[in-house]
Amino acid sequence: MGQYCGPMDEMNLAMLILRVGIGLTFAAHGYGKIFQGGRIPGTAGWFDSM
């Protein structure tokens, strides 16, 4: 029948899902910084608005 999935296999799968999610978040953030501005004047304006 099915293969036994031990606790380490479950932990590895959970860590893989977490790493992929965090990686996609970083990639989206970096994309916004590189291709949609995100330079020093924009950051200064954001701080001024606070």
Protein backbone atom coordinates (compact mmCIF):
# COMPACT_ATOMS: atom_id res chain seq x y z
CA MET A 1 0.00 0.00 0.00
CA GLY A 2 1.28 3.49 0.85
CA GLN A 3 4.75 4.30 2.04
CA TYR A 4 5.19 5.35 5.69
CA CYS A 5 5.85 9.04 6.07
CA GLY A 6 7.86 9.55 9.24
CA PRO A 7 8.13 12.70 11.32
CA MET A 8 11.35 13.82 9.60
CA ASP A 9 9.70 13.56 6.19
CA GLU A 10 6.81 15.69 7.43
CA MET A 11 9.22 18.22 8.93
CA ASN A 12 11.20 18.40 5.69
CA LEU A 13 8.02 18.99 3.71
CA ALA A 14 6.91 21.72 6.11
CA MET A 15 10.32 23.40 5.89
CA LEU A 16 10.24 23.20 2.08
CA ILE A 17 6.83 24.89 1.95
CA LEU A 18 8.00 27.58 4.39
CA ARG A 19 11.21 28.24 2.43
CA VAL A 20 9.38 28.47 -0.89
CA GLY A 21 6.85 30.90 0.61
CA ILE A 22 9.55 33.10 2.12
CA GLY A 23 11.58 32.95 -1.09
CA LEU A 24 8.63 34.09 -3.17
CA THR A 25 8.03 36.95 -0.71
CA PHE A 26 11.65 38.09 -1.01
CA ALA A 27 11.53 37.79 -4.80
CA ALA A 28 8.37 39.91 -5.01
CA HIS A 29 9.88 42.51 -2.69
CA GLY A 30 13.11 42.64 -4.71
CA TYR A 31 11.16 42.93 -7.96
CA GLY A 32 9.33 45.94 -6.60
CA LYS A 33 12.56 47.55 -5.45
CA ILE A 34 14.37 47.03 -8.75
CA PHE A 35 11.66 47.59 -11.36
CA GLN A 36 9.18 49.88 -9.61
CA GLY A 37 11.38 52.48 -8.01
CA GLY A 38 12.28 52.01 -4.40
CA ARG A 39 15.19 54.42 -4.46
CA ILE A 40 16.42 56.77 -1.73
CA PRO A 41 14.09 59.68 -2.62
CA GLY A 42 11.07 57.40 -2.36
CA THR A 43 12.20 56.13 1.02
CA ALA A 44 12.86 59.67 2.25
CA GLY A 45 9.40 60.72 1.10
CA TRP A 46 7.86 57.79 2.95
CA PHE A 47 9.66 58.75 6.16
CA ASP A 48 8.59 62.39 5.71
CA SER A 49 4.96 61.30 5.41
CA MET A 50 5.13 59.70 8.84
